[in-house]
Amino acid sequence: MTTKTMTKLTRIRPAAFLPVFLCLAESACTSGGDLNVGDDRSGEFGQVLEDYAGLWDGYAQAYAFRGDGTDRVRLTLDASGNGSLRFGEEELIGPATVVEALYPPLGPAQDPYDYGGGIRSGFAYPVAGATVDAARLQLSSDTETLMGSWCALAGPEPVPGYPCDMDTSPSTLSHGDGTCTFGPENTPVSCFIWRQCVFCDCDGATCSTVDKHQMRVDGALSDDGNTFEGTLQLGVPDGDRVTIVLTRQ
């Protein structure tokens, strides 16, 4: 082979490989399907709030929720951080309709003396303050929103002379026979009104719930973005923490 021929081959050989390098750089070649390198986000999920959007369903480890006594946990969240937390298998409880009645009704596995606000099955607690920090989702919810419909129904004075407010409700006597009274004349009042008004905060003609008990969720996504594991704190700042494991639906 002459020197002239070798020089020609040397100049041609790099150009022969150019389409291959361009193909890899642009991910534009196909061989049984597109090469979508940009779709591989393994280990990167959980950096932004949108990664947590969706319906999550799972359980709380070694914990039974008030109401139906089951361990189920559901979280619904949109890309803006709006959503709800729901516990247990119980069907959603409707809003209060009778001010003199127990609200919410006792759950199927609930102690008859354990009622009122707090965390229980059968209610969708609105999510607040959802943020992502260091690839961990953090959000909270007011446990007393459970009593919101009852407080609105009761209003500032469900019984004449009986203000329904945690700070101003008068002293009430329970007579042990299912009846309760208040004031110097022993005016009758539903025992449920007496016990449930402690969850209400009235301002003018309207009543809402007292924002005094918070629950908080803190957790992270698995590498594939389909499992969420973290803790549910049952009251801030000193409530117990339970582990929750949720799967994307």
C-alpha atoms as a PDB file:
ATOM      1  CA  MET A   1       0.000   0.000   0.000  1.00  0.00           C
ATOM      2  CA  THR A   2       1.396   3.361  -0.963  1.00  0.00           C
ATOM      3  CA  THR A   3       1.856   6.240   1.402  1.00  0.00           C
ATOM      4  CA  LYS A   4      -0.758   8.175  -0.568  1.00  0.00           C
ATOM      5  CA  THR A   5      -3.365   5.432  -0.072  1.00  0.00           C
ATOM      6  CA  MET A   6      -2.736   5.154   3.704  1.00  0.00           C
ATOM      7  CA  THR A   7      -3.117   8.891   4.102  1.00  0.00           C
ATOM      8  CA  LYS A   8      -6.489   8.770   2.366  1.00  0.00           C
ATOM      9  CA  LEU A   9      -7.781   5.979   4.628  1.00  0.00           C
ATOM     10  CA  THR A  10      -6.625   7.773   7.753  1.00  0.00           C
ATOM     11  CA  ARG A  11      -8.617  10.823   6.773  1.00  0.00           C
ATOM     12  CA  ILE A  12     -11.772   8.854   5.955  1.00  0.00           C
ATOM     13  CA  ARG A  13     -11.949   6.553   9.034  1.00  0.00           C
ATOM     14  CA  PRO A  14     -12.999   9.148  11.695  1.00  0.00           C
ATOM     15  CA  ALA A  15     -15.779  10.421   9.447  1.00  0.00           C
ATOM     16  CA  ALA A  16     -17.145   6.898   9.156  1.00  0.00           C
ATOM     17  CA  PHE A  17     -17.871   6.868  12.916  1.00  0.00           C
ATOM     18  CA  LEU A  18     -19.404  10.336  13.079  1.00  0.00           C
ATOM     19  CA  PRO A  19     -23.059   9.211  12.682  1.00  0.00           C
ATOM     20  CA  VAL A  20     -22.617   6.829  15.626  1.00  0.00           C
ATOM     21  CA  PHE A  21     -21.360   9.579  17.924  1.00  0.00           C
ATOM     22  CA  LEU A  22     -24.136  11.921  16.811  1.00  0.00           C
ATOM     23  CA  CYS A  23     -26.680   9.177  17.375  1.00  0.00           C
ATOM     24  CA  LEU A  24     -25.578   8.642  20.995  1.00  0.00           C
ATOM     25  CA  ALA A  25     -25.310  12.340  21.760  1.00  0.00           C
ATOM     26  CA  GLU A  26     -28.788  13.171  20.480  1.00  0.00           C
ATOM     27  CA  SER A  27     -30.536   9.907  21.549  1.00  0.00           C
ATOM     28  CA  ALA A  28     -32.084   9.949  18.093  1.00  0.00           C
ATOM     29  CA  CYS A  29     -31.391   6.423  16.835  1.00  0.00           C
ATOM     30  CA  THR A  30     -33.793   3.542  17.121  1.00  0.00           C
ATOM     31  CA  SER A  31     -33.201  -0.138  17.475  1.00  0.00           C
ATOM     32  CA  GLY A  32     -36.397  -1.845  18.566  1.00  0.00           C
ATOM     33  CA  GLY A  33     -37.657   1.395  20.196  1.00  0.00           C
ATOM     34  CA  ASP A  34     -36.634   4.920  21.119  1.00  0.00           C
ATOM     35  CA  LEU A  35     -33.761   5.511  23.498  1.00  0.00           C
ATOM     36  CA  ASN A  36     -35.185   7.872  26.118  1.00  0.00           C
ATOM     37  CA  VAL A  37     -32.243   8.547  28.402  1.00  0.00           C
ATOM     38  CA  GLY A  38     -33.969  11.595  29.870  1.00  0.00           C
ATOM     39  CA  ASP A  39     -36.829   9.486  31.272  1.00  0.00           C
ATOM     40  CA  ASP A  40     -34.568   7.650  33.731  1.00  0.00           C
ATOM     41  CA  ARG A  41     -35.042   9.535  37.027  1.00  0.00           C
ATOM     42  CA  SER A  42     -34.050   6.731  39.345  1.00  0.00           C
ATOM     43  CA  GLY A  43     -32.989   8.208  42.682  1.00  0.00           C
ATOM     44  CA  GLU A  44     -34.143  11.707  41.745  1.00  0.00           C
ATOM     45  CA  PHE A  45     -37.813  11.539  42.744  1.00  0.00           C
ATOM     46  CA  GLY A  46     -38.965  13.653  45.653  1.00  0.00           C
ATOM     47  CA  GLN A  47     -37.092  16.870  44.914  1.00  0.00           C
ATOM     48  CA  VAL A  48     -40.216  18.907  44.058  1.00  0.00           C
ATOM     49  CA  LEU A  49     -43.806  18.960  45.300  1.00  0.00           C
ATOM     50  CA  GLU A  50     -45.171  17.715  41.984  1.00  0.00           C
ATOM     51  CA  ASP A  51     -43.394  14.377  42.536  1.00  0.00           C
ATOM     52  CA  TYR A  52     -45.783  13.640  45.413  1.00  0.00           C
ATOM     53  CA  ALA A  53     -48.999  14.470  43.561  1.00  0.00           C
ATOM     54  CA  GLY A  54     -51.492  11.631  43.340  1.00  0.00           C
ATOM     55  CA  LEU A  55     -53.453   9.161  45.446  1.00  0.00           C
ATOM     56  CA  TRP A  56     -51.482   7.213  48.075  1.00  0.00           C
ATOM     57  CA  ASP A  57     -52.813   4.244  50.016  1.00  0.00           C
ATOM     58  CA  GLY A  58     -51.158   2.240  52.775  1.00  0.00           C
ATOM     59  CA  TYR A  59     -50.990   1.691  56.513  1.00  0.00           C
ATOM     60  CA  ALA A  60     -49.640   2.840  59.848  1.00  0.00           C
ATOM     61  CA  GLN A  61     -47.334   0.293  61.425  1.00  0.00           C
ATOM     62  CA  ALA A  62     -48.641  -1.251  64.656  1.00  0.00           C
ATOM     63  CA  TYR A  63     -51.366   1.351  65.085  1.00  0.00           C
ATOM     64  CA  ALA A  64     -55.184   1.279  65.101  1.00  0.00           C
ATOM     65  CA  PHE A  65     -57.132   4.477  64.474  1.00  0.00           C
ATOM     66  CA  ARG A  66     -60.046   5.606  66.605  1.00  0.00           C
ATOM     67  CA  GLY A  67     -63.380   4.871  65.029  1.00  0.00           C
ATOM     68  CA  ASP A  68     -63.072   1.555  63.220  1.00  0.00           C
ATOM     69  CA  GLY A  69     -59.830   0.299  64.773  1.00  0.00           C
ATOM     70  CA  THR A  70     -58.008  -0.317  61.471  1.00  0.00           C
ATOM     71  CA  ASP A  71     -54.566   0.862  60.350  1.00  0.00           C
ATOM     72  CA  ARG A  72     -55.310   2.182  56.841  1.00  0.00           C
ATOM     73  CA  VAL A  73     -53.912   5.588  55.765  1.00  0.00           C
ATOM     74  CA  ARG A  74     -54.768   7.475  52.572  1.00  0.00           C
ATOM     75  CA  LEU A  75     -53.177  10.672  51.300  1.00  0.00           C
ATOM     76  CA  THR A  76     -54.455  12.670  48.329  1.00  0.00           C
ATOM     77  CA  LEU A  77     -52.272  15.499  47.059  1.00  0.00           C
ATOM     78  CA  ASP A  78     -52.196  17.682  43.960  1.00  0.00           C
ATOM     79  CA  ALA A  79     -49.206  19.419  42.362  1.00  0.00           C
ATOM     80  CA  SER A  80     -49.847  22.571  44.422  1.00  0.00           C
ATOM     81  CA  GLY A  81     -49.880  20.723  47.757  1.00  0.00           C
ATOM     82  CA  ASN A  82     -53.665  20.721  48.289  1.00  0.00           C
ATOM     83  CA  GLY A  83     -55.272  17.510  49.447  1.00  0.00           C
ATOM     84  CA  SER A  84     -56.456  15.447  52.386  1.00  0.00           C
ATOM     85  CA  LEU A  85     -55.509  12.761  54.881  1.00  0.00           C
ATOM     86  CA  ARG A  86     -57.914   9.949  55.632  1.00  0.00           C
ATOM     87  CA  PHE A  87     -57.673   7.114  58.151  1.00  0.00           C
ATOM     88  CA  GLY A  88     -59.334   3.731  58.536  1.00  0.00           C
ATOM     89  CA  GLU A  89     -61.777   1.775  56.384  1.00  0.00           C
ATOM     90  CA  GLU A  90     -64.921   3.526  57.608  1.00  0.00           C
ATOM     91  CA  GLU A  91     -67.085   5.337  55.049  1.00  0.00           C
ATOM     92  CA  LEU A  92     -66.864   9.123  55.117  1.00  0.00           C
ATOM     93  CA  ILE A  93     -69.021  10.706  57.805  1.00  0.00           C
ATOM     94  CA  GLY A  94     -71.561  13.280  56.619  1.00  0.00           C
ATOM     95  CA  PRO A  95     -71.798  16.765  58.152  1.00  0.00           C
ATOM     96  CA  ALA A  96     -73.637  17.300  61.438  1.00  0.00           C
ATOM     97  CA  THR A  97     -77.419  17.708  61.124  1.00  0.00           C
ATOM     98  CA  VAL A  98     -78.693  17.615  64.742  1.00  0.00           C
ATOM     99  CA  VAL A  99     -77.031  19.928  67.237  1.00  0.00           C
ATOM    100  CA  GLU A 100     -78.207  17.925  70.284  1.00  0.00           C
ATOM    101  CA  ALA A 101     -76.738  14.653  68.952  1.00  0.00           C
ATOM    102  CA  LEU A 102     -73.311  13.096  69.279  1.00  0.00           C
ATOM    103  CA  TYR A 103     -70.994  14.125  66.457  1.00  0.00           C
ATOM    104  CA  PRO A 104     -69.316  12.397  64.874  1.00  0.00           C
ATOM    105  CA  PRO A 105     -71.226   9.168  65.584  1.00  0.00           C
ATOM    106  CA  LEU A 106     -69.264   6.468  67.338  1.00  0.00           C
ATOM    107  CA  GLY A 107     -67.202   4.267  65.038  1.00  0.00           C
ATOM    108  CA  PRO A 108     -67.738   0.489  65.004  1.00  0.00           C
ATOM    109  CA  ALA A 109     -64.741  -0.174  67.266  1.00  0.00           C
ATOM    110  CA  GLN A 110     -64.832   3.016  69.342  1.00  0.00           C
ATOM    111  CA  ASP A 111     -65.109   3.271  73.115  1.00  0.00           C
ATOM    112  CA  PRO A 112     -68.494   4.924  73.917  1.00  0.00           C
ATOM    113  CA  TYR A 113     -66.735   7.416  76.175  1.00  0.00           C
ATOM    114  CA  ASP A 114     -64.123   8.331  73.548  1.00  0.00           C
ATOM    115  CA  TYR A 115     -65.730  10.843  71.221  1.00  0.00           C
ATOM    116  CA  GLY A 116     -65.360  14.387  69.951  1.00  0.00           C
ATOM    117  CA  GLY A 117     -62.491  15.824  67.912  1.00  0.00           C
ATOM    118  CA  GLY A 118     -59.092  14.394  67.143  1.00  0.00           C
ATOM    119  CA  ILE A 119     -57.826  11.821  64.665  1.00  0.00           C
ATOM    120  CA  ARG A 120     -60.291   9.094  63.740  1.00  0.00           C
ATOM    121  CA  SER A 121     -61.594   7.066  60.825  1.00  0.00           C
ATOM    122  CA  GLY A 122     -64.245   8.316  58.409  1.00  0.00           C
ATOM    123  CA  PHE A 123     -63.089  11.895  57.850  1.00  0.00           C
ATOM    124  CA  ALA A 124     -60.921  13.598  55.214  1.00  0.00           C
ATOM    125  CA  TYR A 125     -58.624  16.038  57.043  1.00  0.00           C
ATOM    126  CA  PRO A 126     -57.568  18.954  54.804  1.00  0.00           C
ATOM    127  CA  VAL A 127     -53.815  19.189  54.198  1.00  0.00           C
ATOM    128  CA  ALA A 128     -52.009  22.435  54.979  1.00  0.00           C
ATOM    129  CA  GLY A 129     -48.492  23.758  54.455  1.00  0.00           C
ATOM    130  CA  ALA A 130     -47.216  21.014  52.144  1.00  0.00           C
ATOM    131  CA  THR A 131     -43.556  21.679  51.297  1.00  0.00           C
ATOM    132  CA  VAL A 132     -40.500  19.727  50.163  1.00  0.00           C
ATOM    133  CA  ASP A 133     -37.181  20.187  51.947  1.00  0.00           C
ATOM    134  CA  ALA A 134     -34.075  18.070  51.328  1.00  0.00           C
ATOM    135  CA  ALA A 135     -36.148  15.570  49.300  1.00  0.00           C
ATOM    136  CA  ARG A 136     -38.653  15.090  52.134  1.00  0.00           C
ATOM    137  CA  LEU A 137     -42.331  15.971  52.037  1.00  0.00           C
ATOM    138  CA  GLN A 138     -43.665  17.771  55.097  1.00  0.00           C
ATOM    139  CA  LEU A 139     -47.299  18.668  55.681  1.00  0.00           C
ATOM    140  CA  SER A 140     -49.721  19.194  58.527  1.00  0.00           C
ATOM    141  CA  SER A 141     -53.438  19.216  59.270  1.00  0.00           C
ATOM    142  CA  ASP A 142     -55.678  20.509  62.053  1.00  0.00           C
ATOM    143  CA  THR A 143     -57.269  17.537  63.780  1.00  0.00           C
ATOM    144  CA  GLU A 144     -60.203  19.610  65.041  1.00  0.00           C
ATOM    145  CA  THR A 145     -61.539  20.282  61.515  1.00  0.00           C
ATOM    146  CA  LEU A 146     -63.474  17.084  62.224  1.00  0.00           C
ATOM    147  CA  MET A 147     -65.855  19.172  64.365  1.00  0.00           C
ATOM    148  CA  GLY A 148     -66.252  22.033  61.890  1.00  0.00           C
ATOM    149  CA  SER A 149     -69.758  21.173  60.648  1.00  0.00           C
ATOM    150  CA  TRP A 150     -71.055  20.670  64.180  1.00  0.00           C
ATOM    151  CA  CYS A 151     -69.671  23.991  65.442  1.00  0.00           C
ATOM    152  CA  ALA A 152     -71.220  25.807  62.462  1.00  0.00           C
ATOM    153  CA  LEU A 153     -74.565  24.104  63.160  1.00  0.00           C
ATOM    154  CA  ALA A 154     -74.477  24.873  66.885  1.00  0.00           C
ATOM    155  CA  GLY A 155     -73.709  28.558  66.399  1.00  0.00           C
ATOM    156  CA  PRO A 156     -72.812  30.977  69.185  1.00  0.00           C
ATOM    157  CA  GLU A 157     -75.834  30.029  71.361  1.00  0.00           C
ATOM    158  CA  PRO A 158     -77.340  26.584  70.661  1.00  0.00           C
ATOM    159  CA  VAL A 159     -79.415  26.881  73.835  1.00  0.00           C
ATOM    160  CA  PRO A 160     -80.706  30.285  75.046  1.00  0.00           C
ATOM    161  CA  GLY A 161     -78.207  31.635  77.537  1.00  0.00           C
ATOM    162  CA  TYR A 162     -75.599  28.956  76.750  1.00  0.00           C
ATOM    163  CA  PRO A 163     -72.681  30.357  74.708  1.00  0.00           C
ATOM    164  CA  CYS A 164     -70.961  27.630  72.682  1.00  0.00           C
ATOM    165  CA  ASP A 165     -67.311  28.556  72.999  1.00  0.00           C
ATOM    166  CA  MET A 166     -64.358  26.832  74.603  1.00  0.00           C
ATOM    167  CA  ASP A 167     -63.522  29.968  76.604  1.00  0.00           C
ATOM    168  CA  THR A 168     -66.972  31.206  77.642  1.00  0.00           C
ATOM    169  CA  SER A 169     -69.250  28.142  77.941  1.00  0.00           C
ATOM    170  CA  PRO A 170     -70.757  28.085  81.458  1.00  0.00           C
ATOM    171  CA  SER A 171     -70.162  25.379  84.000  1.00  0.00           C
ATOM    172  CA  THR A 172     -72.394  22.405  83.316  1.00  0.00           C
ATOM    173  CA  LEU A 173     -73.577  19.644  85.594  1.00  0.00           C
ATOM    174  CA  SER A 174     -73.941  16.048  84.474  1.00  0.00           C
ATOM    175  CA  HIS A 175     -76.512  14.307  86.633  1.00  0.00           C
ATOM    176  CA  GLY A 176     -75.508  10.744  85.841  1.00  0.00           C
ATOM    177  CA  ASP A 177     -78.847   9.919  84.255  1.00  0.00           C
ATOM    178  CA  GLY A 178     -78.001  11.217  80.779  1.00  0.00           C
ATOM    179  CA  THR A 179     -79.164  14.767  81.497  1.00  0.00           C
ATOM    180  CA  CYS A 180     -77.115  17.915  81.948  1.00  0.00           C
ATOM    181  CA  THR A 181     -77.968  21.388  83.229  1.00  0.00           C
ATOM    182  CA  PHE A 182     -76.269  24.760  83.547  1.00  0.00           C
ATOM    183  CA  GLY A 183     -76.675  27.988  85.449  1.00  0.00           C
ATOM    184  CA  PRO A 184     -78.288  28.788  88.827  1.00  0.00           C
ATOM    185  CA  GLU A 185     -81.685  27.623  87.578  1.00  0.00           C
ATOM    186  CA  ASN A 186     -80.362  24.285  86.295  1.00  0.00           C
ATOM    187  CA  THR A 187     -81.443  24.994  82.717  1.00  0.00           C
ATOM    188  CA  PRO A 188     -81.435  21.769  80.689  1.00  0.00           C
ATOM    189  CA  VAL A 189     -78.805  21.381  77.954  1.00  0.00           C
ATOM    190  CA  SER A 190     -77.809  18.394  75.860  1.00  0.00           C
ATOM    191  CA  CYS A 191     -74.777  16.700  77.370  1.00  0.00           C
ATOM    192  CA  PHE A 192     -73.392  16.466  73.830  1.00  0.00           C
ATOM    193  CA  ILE A 193     -73.670  20.242  73.434  1.00  0.00           C
ATOM    194  CA  TRP A 194     -71.791  20.687  76.676  1.00  0.00           C
ATOM    195  CA  ARG A 195     -68.988  18.331  75.723  1.00  0.00           C
ATOM    196  CA  GLN A 196     -68.693  19.350  72.070  1.00  0.00           C
ATOM    197  CA  CYS A 197     -68.698  23.130  72.518  1.00  0.00           C
ATOM    198  CA  VAL A 198     -65.133  22.858  73.825  1.00  0.00           C
ATOM    199  CA  PHE A 199     -64.059  22.311  70.192  1.00  0.00           C
ATOM    200  CA  CYS A 200     -65.678  25.550  68.985  1.00  0.00           C
ATOM    201  CA  ASP A 201     -64.467  29.124  68.680  1.00  0.00           C
ATOM    202  CA  CYS A 202     -67.248  31.644  68.073  1.00  0.00           C
ATOM    203  CA  ASP A 203     -66.888  35.101  66.595  1.00  0.00           C
ATOM    204  CA  GLY A 204     -70.010  37.144  66.216  1.00  0.00           C
ATOM    205  CA  ALA A 205     -72.729  35.052  64.581  1.00  0.00           C
ATOM    206  CA  THR A 206     -70.480  32.210  63.390  1.00  0.00           C
ATOM    207  CA  CYS A 207     -68.586  29.360  65.018  1.00  0.00           C
ATOM    208  CA  SER A 208     -65.675  27.308  63.718  1.00  0.00           C
ATOM    209  CA  THR A 209     -63.242  24.856  65.229  1.00  0.00           C
ATOM    210  CA  VAL A 210     -60.417  25.699  67.568  1.00  0.00           C
ATOM    211  CA  ASP A 211     -57.046  25.324  65.858  1.00  0.00           C
ATOM    212  CA  LYS A 212     -55.286  23.706  68.772  1.00  0.00           C
ATOM    213  CA  HIS A 213     -54.254  20.199  67.744  1.00  0.00           C
ATOM    214  CA  GLN A 214     -52.038  19.540  64.767  1.00  0.00           C
ATOM    215  CA  MET A 215     -50.866  16.322  63.167  1.00  0.00           C
ATOM    216  CA  ARG A 216     -47.836  16.287  60.902  1.00  0.00           C
ATOM    217  CA  VAL A 217     -46.464  14.019  58.162  1.00  0.00           C
ATOM    218  CA  ASP A 218     -42.769  13.852  57.236  1.00  0.00           C
ATOM    219  CA  GLY A 219     -41.441  11.358  54.693  1.00  0.00           C
ATOM    220  CA  ALA A 220     -39.610  10.585  51.465  1.00  0.00           C
ATOM    221  CA  LEU A 221     -40.101   8.702  48.208  1.00  0.00           C
ATOM    222  CA  SER A 222     -38.439   5.490  47.114  1.00  0.00           C
ATOM    223  CA  ASP A 223     -35.981   5.626  44.204  1.00  0.00           C
ATOM    224  CA  ASP A 224     -38.713   4.781  41.688  1.00  0.00           C
ATOM    225  CA  GLY A 225     -41.135   7.333  43.139  1.00  0.00           C
ATOM    226  CA  ASN A 226     -43.885   4.788  43.865  1.00  0.00           C
ATOM    227  CA  THR A 227     -43.533   4.294  47.629  1.00  0.00           C
ATOM    228  CA  PHE A 228     -43.743   6.935  50.350  1.00  0.00           C
ATOM    229  CA  GLU A 229     -42.421   6.125  53.814  1.00  0.00           C
ATOM    230  CA  GLY A 230     -42.264   8.430  56.801  1.00  0.00           C
ATOM    231  CA  THR A 231     -43.858   9.316  60.112  1.00  0.00           C
ATOM    232  CA  LEU A 232     -47.258  10.564  61.187  1.00  0.00           C
ATOM    233  CA  GLN A 233     -46.997  12.676  64.324  1.00  0.00           C
ATOM    234  CA  LEU A 234     -50.254  12.470  66.274  1.00  0.00           C
ATOM    235  CA  GLY A 235     -50.225  15.951  67.759  1.00  0.00           C
ATOM    236  CA  VAL A 236     -47.620  18.712  67.727  1.00  0.00           C
ATOM    237  CA  PRO A 237     -45.261  19.192  69.479  1.00  0.00           C
ATOM    238  CA  ASP A 238     -45.422  16.185  71.795  1.00  0.00           C
ATOM    239  CA  GLY A 239     -47.652  13.637  70.088  1.00  0.00           C
ATOM    240  CA  ASP A 240     -46.594  10.074  69.391  1.00  0.00           C
ATOM    241  CA  ARG A 241     -44.992   9.254  66.043  1.00  0.00           C
ATOM    242  CA  VAL A 242     -46.022   6.228  64.008  1.00  0.00           C
ATOM    243  CA  THR A 243     -44.434   4.931  60.822  1.00  0.00           C
ATOM    244  CA  ILE A 244     -46.586   5.064  57.685  1.00  0.00           C
ATOM    245  CA  VAL A 245     -45.944   3.267  54.387  1.00  0.00           C
ATOM    246  CA  LEU A 246     -47.962   4.364  51.335  1.00  0.00           C
ATOM    247  CA  THR A 247     -48.024   3.160  47.732  1.00  0.00           C
ATOM    248  CA  ARG A 248     -48.891   5.281  44.731  1.00  0.00           C
ATOM    249  CA  GLN A 249     -52.232   4.230  43.205  1.00  0.00           C
END
